[in-house]
C-alpha atoms as a PDB file:
ATOM      1  CA  MET A   1      -5.619  24.679 -13.231  1.00  0.00           C
ATOM      2  CA  SER A   2      -5.661  21.309 -11.484  1.00  0.00           C
ATOM      3  CA  ASN A   3      -7.600  20.508  -8.363  1.00  0.00           C
ATOM      4  CA  PRO A   4      -5.805  21.013  -5.267  1.00  0.00           C
ATOM      5  CA  ILE A   5      -4.179  17.930  -3.375  1.00  0.00           C
ATOM      6  CA  PRO A   6      -6.658  16.387  -0.997  1.00  0.00           C
ATOM      7  CA  THR A   7      -5.100  16.735   2.796  1.00  0.00           C
ATOM      8  CA  ARG A   8      -4.603  13.657   4.718  1.00  0.00           C
ATOM      9  CA  ALA A   9      -7.780  14.273   6.802  1.00  0.00           C
ATOM     10  CA  GLU A  10     -10.125  14.518   3.385  1.00  0.00           C
ATOM     11  CA  ALA A  11      -8.404  11.398   2.275  1.00  0.00           C
ATOM     12  CA  LEU A  12      -9.157   9.559   5.570  1.00  0.00           C
ATOM     13  CA  ALA A  13     -13.014  10.948   5.776  1.00  0.00           C
ATOM     14  CA  LEU A  14     -13.425   9.467   2.305  1.00  0.00           C
ATOM     15  CA  LEU A  15     -11.965   6.115   3.094  1.00  0.00           C
ATOM     16  CA  LYS A  16     -14.028   5.901   5.687  1.00  0.00           C
ATOM     17  CA  THR A  17     -17.082   6.756   3.971  1.00  0.00           C
ATOM     18  CA  TYR A  18     -16.560   3.744   1.864  1.00  0.00           C
ATOM     19  CA  ASN A  19     -15.000   1.394   4.348  1.00  0.00           C
ATOM     20  CA  ARG A  20     -16.057  -0.188   7.707  1.00  0.00           C
ATOM     21  CA  SER A  21     -13.602  -3.111   7.996  1.00  0.00           C
ATOM     22  CA  GLU A  22     -10.689  -2.525  10.707  1.00  0.00           C
ATOM     23  CA  SER A  23      -8.567  -4.591   8.390  1.00  0.00           C
ATOM     24  CA  LEU A  24      -9.135  -2.659   5.275  1.00  0.00           C
ATOM     25  CA  ILE A  25      -8.369   0.502   7.192  1.00  0.00           C
ATOM     26  CA  LYS A  26      -5.226  -0.726   8.955  1.00  0.00           C
ATOM     27  CA  HIS A  27      -4.291  -1.720   5.368  1.00  0.00           C
ATOM     28  CA  ALA A  28      -4.667   1.765   4.136  1.00  0.00           C
ATOM     29  CA  PHE A  29      -2.605   3.094   7.084  1.00  0.00           C
ATOM     30  CA  ALA A  30       0.190   0.356   6.185  1.00  0.00           C
ATOM     31  CA  VAL A  31       0.185   1.441   2.721  1.00  0.00           C
ATOM     32  CA  GLU A  32      -0.007   5.255   3.638  1.00  0.00           C
ATOM     33  CA  GLY A  33       2.895   4.558   5.921  1.00  0.00           C
ATOM     34  CA  VAL A  34       5.271   2.799   3.500  1.00  0.00           C
ATOM     35  CA  MET A  35       4.453   5.279   0.731  1.00  0.00           C
ATOM     36  CA  ARG A  36       5.395   7.987   3.007  1.00  0.00           C
ATOM     37  CA  TYR A  37       8.460   6.456   3.900  1.00  0.00           C
ATOM     38  CA  MET A  38       9.502   5.570   0.354  1.00  0.00           C
ATOM     39  CA  ALA A  39       8.573   9.435  -0.861  1.00  0.00           C
ATOM     40  CA  ARG A  40      11.127  10.799   1.657  1.00  0.00           C
ATOM     41  CA  LYS A  41      13.700   7.976   0.072  1.00  0.00           C
ATOM     42  CA  TYR A  42      12.968   9.289  -3.440  1.00  0.00           C
ATOM     43  CA  GLY A  43      13.101  12.870  -2.457  1.00  0.00           C
ATOM     44  CA  GLU A  44       9.302  13.101  -3.547  1.00  0.00           C
ATOM     45  CA  ASN A  45       6.243  14.967  -1.775  1.00  0.00           C
ATOM     46  CA  GLU A  46       5.524  12.740   1.569  1.00  0.00           C
ATOM     47  CA  ASP A  47       2.266  14.079   1.495  1.00  0.00           C
ATOM     48  CA  ILE A  48       0.818  13.282  -2.141  1.00  0.00           C
ATOM     49  CA  TRP A  49       2.451   9.734  -1.797  1.00  0.00           C
ATOM     50  CA  GLY A  50       0.522   9.276   1.576  1.00  0.00           C
ATOM     51  CA  VAL A  51      -2.978  10.342   0.294  1.00  0.00           C
ATOM     52  CA  VAL A  52      -2.524   7.986  -2.601  1.00  0.00           C
ATOM     53  CA  GLY A  53      -1.648   5.080  -0.289  1.00  0.00           C
ATOM     54  CA  LEU A  54      -4.425   5.786   2.222  1.00  0.00           C
ATOM     55  CA  ILE A  55      -7.353   5.973  -0.686  1.00  0.00           C
ATOM     56  CA  HIS A  56      -5.641   3.221  -3.130  1.00  0.00           C
ATOM     57  CA  ASP A  57      -8.317   0.616  -1.860  1.00  0.00           C
ATOM     58  CA  LEU A  58     -11.115   3.000  -1.493  1.00  0.00           C
ATOM     59  CA  ASP A  59     -13.794   0.723  -3.254  1.00  0.00           C
ATOM     60  CA  TYR A  60     -12.651  -2.495  -2.161  1.00  0.00           C
ATOM     61  CA  GLU A  61     -15.204  -3.172   0.584  1.00  0.00           C
ATOM     62  CA  GLN A  62     -18.393  -1.946  -1.260  1.00  0.00           C
ATOM     63  CA  PHE A  63     -17.390  -2.557  -4.962  1.00  0.00           C
ATOM     64  CA  PRO A  64     -14.751  -5.521  -4.750  1.00  0.00           C
ATOM     65  CA  ASP A  65     -15.938  -6.752  -8.525  1.00  0.00           C
ATOM     66  CA  GLN A  66     -15.543  -3.062  -9.640  1.00  0.00           C
ATOM     67  CA  HIS A  67     -11.961  -2.423  -8.035  1.00  0.00           C
ATOM     68  CA  CYS A  68     -10.238   0.423  -9.018  1.00  0.00           C
ATOM     69  CA  LYS A  69     -12.795   1.264 -11.413  1.00  0.00           C
ATOM     70  CA  LYS A  70     -15.258   2.821  -8.994  1.00  0.00           C
ATOM     71  CA  THR A  71     -12.372   4.304  -7.267  1.00  0.00           C
ATOM     72  CA  GLU A  72     -11.598   6.254 -10.570  1.00  0.00           C
ATOM     73  CA  VAL A  73     -15.146   7.355 -10.531  1.00  0.00           C
ATOM     74  CA  LEU A  74     -15.404   8.166  -6.747  1.00  0.00           C
ATOM     75  CA  LEU A  75     -12.232  10.083  -6.920  1.00  0.00           C
ATOM     76  CA  ARG A  76     -13.301  12.131  -9.877  1.00  0.00           C
ATOM     77  CA  GLU A  77     -16.743  13.162  -8.035  1.00  0.00           C
ATOM     78  CA  ASN A  78     -14.702  14.292  -5.237  1.00  0.00           C
ATOM     79  CA  ASN A  79     -12.204  16.401  -7.539  1.00  0.00           C
ATOM     80  CA  TRP A  80      -9.168  14.721  -6.914  1.00  0.00           C
ATOM     81  CA  PRO A  81      -6.504  15.714  -9.261  1.00  0.00           C
ATOM     82  CA  GLU A  82      -5.953  13.695 -12.515  1.00  0.00           C
ATOM     83  CA  ASP A  83      -2.417  12.306 -11.662  1.00  0.00           C
ATOM     84  CA  LEU A  84      -3.403  10.849  -8.541  1.00  0.00           C
ATOM     85  CA  ILE A  85      -6.283   9.086  -9.750  1.00  0.00           C
ATOM     86  CA  ARG A  86      -4.037   7.534 -12.038  1.00  0.00           C
ATOM     87  CA  ALA A  87      -1.674   7.001  -9.816  1.00  0.00           C
ATOM     88  CA  VAL A  88      -4.325   5.230  -7.260  1.00  0.00           C
ATOM     89  CA  ILE A  89      -5.849   2.821 -10.302  1.00  0.00           C
ATOM     90  CA  SER A  90      -2.422   1.678 -11.555  1.00  0.00           C
ATOM     91  CA  HIS A  91      -1.902  -0.364  -8.521  1.00  0.00           C
ATOM     92  CA  GLY A  92      -4.402  -2.614 -10.331  1.00  0.00           C
ATOM     93  CA  TRP A  93      -2.544  -2.836 -13.692  1.00  0.00           C
ATOM     94  CA  GLY A  94      -3.039  -6.577 -14.963  1.00  0.00           C
ATOM     95  CA  ILE A  95      -5.247  -7.449 -12.180  1.00  0.00           C
ATOM     96  CA  CYS A  96      -8.333  -5.316 -12.708  1.00  0.00           C
ATOM     97  CA  THR A  97      -6.952  -2.187 -14.850  1.00  0.00           C
ATOM     98  CA  ASP A  98      -4.744  -1.795 -18.040  1.00  0.00           C
ATOM     99  CA  VAL A  99      -3.047   1.634 -16.252  1.00  0.00           C
ATOM    100  CA  GLU A 100       0.461   0.837 -16.265  1.00  0.00           C
ATOM    101  CA  PRO A 101       2.360   2.035 -13.599  1.00  0.00           C
ATOM    102  CA  THR A 102       5.019   4.602 -14.893  1.00  0.00           C
ATOM    103  CA  THR A 103       5.869   7.133 -12.311  1.00  0.00           C
ATOM    104  CA  ASN A 104       7.954   6.222  -9.096  1.00  0.00           C
ATOM    105  CA  LEU A 105       4.886   6.940  -7.027  1.00  0.00           C
ATOM    106  CA  GLU A 106       2.883   4.336  -9.229  1.00  0.00           C
ATOM    107  CA  LYS A 107       5.773   1.513  -9.062  1.00  0.00           C
ATOM    108  CA  VAL A 108       6.105   1.805  -5.299  1.00  0.00           C
ATOM    109  CA  LEU A 109       2.490   1.525  -4.801  1.00  0.00           C
ATOM    110  CA  PHE A 110       1.928  -1.194  -7.385  1.00  0.00           C
ATOM    111  CA  ALA A 111       4.859  -2.974  -5.579  1.00  0.00           C
ATOM    112  CA  ILE A 112       4.189  -2.717  -2.141  1.00  0.00           C
ATOM    113  CA  ASP A 113       0.462  -2.897  -1.600  1.00  0.00           C
ATOM    114  CA  GLU A 114       0.481  -6.922  -1.478  1.00  0.00           C
ATOM    115  CA  LEU A 115       3.775  -6.447   0.214  1.00  0.00           C
ATOM    116  CA  THR A 116       2.362  -5.119   3.165  1.00  0.00           C
ATOM    117  CA  GLY A 117      -0.215  -7.837   3.547  1.00  0.00           C
ATOM    118  CA  LEU A 118       2.917 -10.134   3.606  1.00  0.00           C
ATOM    119  CA  VAL A 119       4.808  -8.255   6.067  1.00  0.00           C
ATOM    120  CA  ALA A 120       1.677  -8.075   8.299  1.00  0.00           C
ATOM    121  CA  THR A 121       0.896 -11.684   8.144  1.00  0.00           C
ATOM    122  CA  SER A 122       4.501 -12.598   9.147  1.00  0.00           C
ATOM    123  CA  ALA A 123       4.581  -9.990  12.166  1.00  0.00           C
ATOM    124  CA  LEU A 124       1.497 -11.511  13.212  1.00  0.00           C
ATOM    125  CA  VAL A 125       2.906 -15.116  13.437  1.00  0.00           C
ATOM    126  CA  ARG A 126       5.986 -13.794  15.287  1.00  0.00           C
ATOM    127  CA  PRO A 127       5.611 -14.284  19.091  1.00  0.00           C
ATOM    128  CA  ASN A 128       5.767 -10.355  19.678  1.00  0.00           C
ATOM    129  CA  LYS A 129       3.162  -9.779  16.790  1.00  0.00           C
ATOM    130  CA  SER A 130       5.639  -6.827  15.808  1.00  0.00           C
ATOM    131  CA  VAL A 131       7.353  -5.396  13.090  1.00  0.00           C
ATOM    132  CA  MET A 132       9.861  -3.279  15.158  1.00  0.00           C
ATOM    133  CA  ASP A 133      12.510  -6.054  15.432  1.00  0.00           C
ATOM    134  CA  MET A 134      11.655  -7.679  12.174  1.00  0.00           C
ATOM    135  CA  ASN A 135      14.128  -7.966   9.244  1.00  0.00           C
ATOM    136  CA  ALA A 136      13.685  -8.968   5.547  1.00  0.00           C
ATOM    137  CA  LYS A 137      15.139 -12.035   6.094  1.00  0.00           C
ATOM    138  CA  SER A 138      12.151 -13.517   8.094  1.00  0.00           C
ATOM    139  CA  VAL A 139       9.587 -12.495   5.797  1.00  0.00           C
ATOM    140  CA  LYS A 140      11.757 -14.023   2.892  1.00  0.00           C
ATOM    141  CA  LYS A 141      11.681 -17.406   4.716  1.00  0.00           C
ATOM    142  CA  LYS A 142       7.595 -16.919   4.669  1.00  0.00           C
ATOM    143  CA  TRP A 143       7.926 -15.959   0.818  1.00  0.00           C
ATOM    144  CA  LYS A 144       8.915 -19.259   0.121  1.00  0.00           C
ATOM    145  CA  ASP A 145       5.979 -21.221   1.435  1.00  0.00           C
ATOM    146  CA  LYS A 146       3.096 -20.383  -0.726  1.00  0.00           C
ATOM    147  CA  ARG A 147       0.792 -21.793   1.809  1.00  0.00           C
ATOM    148  CA  PHE A 148       1.586 -18.813   3.959  1.00  0.00           C
ATOM    149  CA  ALA A 149      -0.425 -15.868   3.330  1.00  0.00           C
ATOM    150  CA  ALA A 150      -1.802 -17.674   0.263  1.00  0.00           C
ATOM    151  CA  GLY A 151      -3.753 -14.723  -0.718  1.00  0.00           C
ATOM    152  CA  VAL A 152      -0.572 -12.726  -1.121  1.00  0.00           C
ATOM    153  CA  ASP A 153       0.161 -12.682  -4.825  1.00  0.00           C
ATOM    154  CA  ARG A 154       4.002 -12.944  -4.930  1.00  0.00           C
ATOM    155  CA  SER A 155       4.581 -12.492  -8.718  1.00  0.00           C
ATOM    156  CA  ILE A 156       3.040  -9.051  -8.260  1.00  0.00           C
ATOM    157  CA  ILE A 157       5.751  -8.013  -5.536  1.00  0.00           C
ATOM    158  CA  GLN A 158       8.425  -9.378  -7.745  1.00  0.00           C
ATOM    159  CA  LYS A 159       7.317  -7.404 -10.973  1.00  0.00           C
ATOM    160  CA  GLY A 160       7.254  -4.366  -8.708  1.00  0.00           C
ATOM    161  CA  ALA A 161      10.850  -4.723  -7.561  1.00  0.00           C
ATOM    162  CA  GLU A 162      11.842  -5.462 -11.211  1.00  0.00           C
ATOM    163  CA  MET A 163      10.081  -2.134 -12.360  1.00  0.00           C
ATOM    164  CA  LEU A 164      11.971  -0.336  -9.760  1.00  0.00           C
ATOM    165  CA  GLY A 165      15.395  -2.041  -9.964  1.00  0.00           C
ATOM    166  CA  VAL A 166      15.460  -2.830  -6.574  1.00  0.00           C
ATOM    167  CA  GLU A 167      16.305  -6.418  -4.868  1.00  0.00           C
ATOM    168  CA  LEU A 168      13.356  -7.953  -3.213  1.00  0.00           C
ATOM    169  CA  GLY A 169      15.273  -8.040   0.122  1.00  0.00           C
ATOM    170  CA  ASP A 170      15.425  -4.486  -0.229  1.00  0.00           C
ATOM    171  CA  LEU A 171      11.971  -3.936  -0.904  1.00  0.00           C
ATOM    172  CA  ILE A 172      10.999  -5.782   1.880  1.00  0.00           C
ATOM    173  CA  THR A 173      13.463  -3.813   4.071  1.00  0.00           C
ATOM    174  CA  ASP A 174      11.870  -0.514   3.267  1.00  0.00           C
ATOM    175  CA  THR A 175       8.379  -2.024   3.627  1.00  0.00           C
ATOM    176  CA  ILE A 176       9.100  -3.072   7.236  1.00  0.00           C
ATOM    177  CA  MET A 177      10.636   0.307   7.805  1.00  0.00           C
ATOM    178  CA  GLY A 178       7.501   2.258   6.556  1.00  0.00           C
ATOM    179  CA  MET A 179       5.291  -0.189   8.664  1.00  0.00           C
ATOM    180  CA  ARG A 180       7.302   0.458  11.520  1.00  0.00           C
ATOM    181  CA  GLU A 181       6.096   4.166  11.507  1.00  0.00           C
ATOM    182  CA  VAL A 182       2.827   3.527  11.832  1.00  0.00           C
ATOM    183  CA  ALA A 183       3.108   0.338  13.714  1.00  0.00           C
ATOM    184  CA  ASP A 184       0.749   1.536  16.442  1.00  0.00           C
ATOM    185  CA  GLU A 185      -1.896   2.362  13.812  1.00  0.00           C
ATOM    186  CA  ILE A 186      -1.939  -1.267  12.270  1.00  0.00           C
ATOM    187  CA  GLY A 187      -1.625  -2.942  15.675  1.00  0.00           C
ATOM    188  CA  LEU A 188       2.046  -4.313  14.912  1.00  0.00           C
ATOM    189  CA  LYS A 189       3.980  -2.430  17.382  1.00  0.00           C
ATOM    190  CA  GLY A 190       3.687  -5.654  19.841  1.00  0.00           C
ATOM    191  CA  ASP A 191       6.102  -5.817  23.032  1.00  0.00           C
ATOM    192  CA  ALA A 192       9.328  -4.698  21.059  1.00  0.00           C
END
């Protein structure tokens, strides 16, 4: 028998044990929101996709040089199911792990992790600082400017879209829609 699926409250408590940075917690909420949105779109378990999104950067604040590897250890110590551990560490494929995303859950996490950062940064430079009335076109404009959100690796997002077999614009739209659902928690509700 495999380990039980952690609840959102358990995942959040674990995240906050290792992360104090407001920006990292907001990033976790953004990724969780998009993962929940995408789970519904794919007809998958929203709670499972949500906790994977919430916990994906568990080790990033305290162990950035061991990213994904330390998360694997921490999740095992907390009796997370192996398939969820694999899903979490697969988002570092080609960067810090050799675990290739194969399931829809893994591919979506890989594709949208960096993209949530680009969407958030794009929203913050808007007059209303909001994702509520934002569209893919405004993010795609920023996409072309390599100096804008320079830390966002666009090749990972592109590769993720290709793995999912979706157009980049559609992936951006889905990411915005998922982030709208958590706009209050991530500070991007603005005045819209």
